[in-house]
Amino acid sequence: MDAPSLRIALHVWLQHLGHTAPAADALGLHRTTLNRWLEEITERLAADLTSPATRAELHLACVTLGEHTEPNTLPRRGGRTFQRGPLPQEAPPLADQ
């Protein structure tokens, strides 16, 4: 797993207050995939993601870095894990009548 994907996953997970199901849904991933990624993050950072202080520090770091932390910037690959429905389209502007 590449670092940008892990950073995006971590940021979204932290935005969802550590709730895996809604974070996985926002990322278009299965919960199991997100849990596996969080385990990899834990190993790479040697950090305890159950600690509120650690989560706060990581959230601050994600916000400070700021780039490439939105779910729609997550690289997509084939397979069921990464499938996601079509993105909502913006409504066309109303014509003056």
Protein backbone atom coordinates (compact mmCIF):
# COMPACT_ATOMS: atom_id res chain seq x y z
CA MET A 1 0.00 0.00 0.00
CA ASP A 2 1.34 3.40 -0.91
CA ALA A 3 1.63 6.22 1.59
CA PRO A 4 -0.88 8.64 -0.02
CA SER A 5 -3.64 6.02 0.16
CA LEU A 6 -2.85 5.31 3.79
CA ARG A 7 -2.75 9.02 4.59
CA ILE A 8 -6.13 9.56 2.94
CA ALA A 9 -7.61 6.55 4.74
CA LEU A 10 -6.25 7.75 8.08
CA HIS A 11 -7.53 11.28 7.59
CA VAL A 12 -11.04 10.12 6.63
CA TRP A 13 -11.09 7.64 9.53
CA LEU A 14 -10.10 10.41 11.94
CA GLN A 15 -12.77 12.71 10.47
CA HIS A 16 -15.31 9.99 11.29
CA LEU A 17 -14.04 9.91 14.90
CA GLY A 18 -12.54 6.46 14.51
CA HIS A 19 -15.76 4.83 13.28
CA THR A 20 -14.71 2.32 10.67
CA ALA A 21 -18.03 1.67 8.89
CA PRO A 22 -18.84 5.28 7.91
CA ALA A 23 -15.19 5.98 7.07
CA ALA A 24 -15.01 2.90 4.85
CA ASP A 25 -18.24 3.96 3.14
CA ALA A 26 -16.85 7.46 2.52
CA LEU A 27 -13.72 5.91 1.02
CA GLY A 28 -15.65 3.40 -1.07
CA LEU A 29 -13.93 0.52 0.70
CA HIS A 30 -15.04 -2.52 2.63
CA ARG A 31 -14.61 -2.24 6.42
CA THR A 32 -12.19 -5.16 6.40
CA THR A 33 -9.96 -3.38 3.89
CA LEU A 34 -9.95 -0.21 5.97
CA ASN A 35 -9.16 -2.20 9.12
CA ARG A 36 -6.22 -3.84 7.34
CA TRP A 37 -4.96 -0.43 6.21
CA LEU A 38 -5.29 0.92 9.77
CA GLU A 39 -3.25 -2.02 11.04
CA GLU A 40 -0.57 -1.17 8.47
CA ILE A 41 -0.63 2.48 9.58
CA THR A 42 -0.28 1.37 13.19
CA GLU A 43 2.75 -0.75 12.30
CA ARG A 44 4.40 1.91 10.14
CA LEU A 45 3.95 4.69 12.70
CA ALA A 46 4.38 2.49 15.78
CA ALA A 47 1.42 4.42 17.16
CA ASP A 48 -1.55 3.42 19.30
CA LEU A 49 -4.62 4.50 17.33
CA THR A 50 -6.83 3.81 20.36
CA SER A 51 -5.20 6.70 22.23
CA PRO A 52 -7.16 9.98 22.01
CA ALA A 53 -3.91 11.97 22.26
CA THR A 54 -2.38 10.03 19.37
CA ARG A 55 -5.53 10.52 17.28
CA ALA A 56 -5.46 14.25 17.98
CA GLU A 57 -1.80 14.50 16.97
CA LEU A 58 -2.40 12.50 13.78
CA HIS A 59 -5.48 14.55 12.92
CA LEU A 60 -3.47 17.75 13.34
CA ALA A 61 -0.73 16.32 11.12
CA CYS A 62 -3.26 15.36 8.43
CA VAL A 63 -4.85 18.80 8.50
CA THR A 64 -1.46 20.49 8.43
CA LEU A 65 -0.30 18.45 5.42
CA GLY A 66 -3.65 19.15 3.81
CA GLU A 67 -2.90 17.87 0.32
CA HIS A 68 -4.38 14.69 -1.13
CA THR A 69 -6.53 13.89 1.88
CA GLU A 70 -9.95 13.74 0.28
CA PRO A 71 -11.55 10.36 -0.44
CA ASN A 72 -12.05 11.21 -4.12
CA THR A 73 -8.26 11.44 -4.54
CA LEU A 74 -7.81 7.84 -3.42
CA PRO A 75 -6.34 5.85 -6.32
CA ARG A 76 -8.90 3.40 -7.69
CA ARG A 77 -8.14 -0.15 -8.72
CA GLY A 78 -10.26 -2.95 -10.09
CA GLY A 79 -12.05 -5.44 -7.89
CA ARG A 80 -14.98 -5.41 -5.54
CA THR A 81 -13.13 -3.64 -2.76
CA PHE A 82 -12.69 -0.47 -4.77
CA GLN A 83 -16.00 -0.34 -6.62
CA ARG A 84 -18.13 2.67 -6.00
CA GLY A 85 -21.29 3.94 -7.58
CA PRO A 86 -21.34 6.94 -9.86
CA LEU A 87 -20.55 10.27 -8.28
CA PRO A 88 -23.49 12.70 -8.01
CA GLN A 89 -23.63 15.19 -10.83
CA GLU A 90 -24.12 18.89 -10.22
CA ALA A 91 -27.48 20.22 -11.30
CA PRO A 92 -27.30 22.42 -14.39
CA PRO A 93 -27.95 26.11 -13.73
CA LEU A 94 -31.55 27.19 -14.13
CA ALA A 95 -32.28 29.27 -17.21
CA ASP A 96 -33.91 32.66 -16.67
CA GLN A 97 -37.49 32.61 -17.81
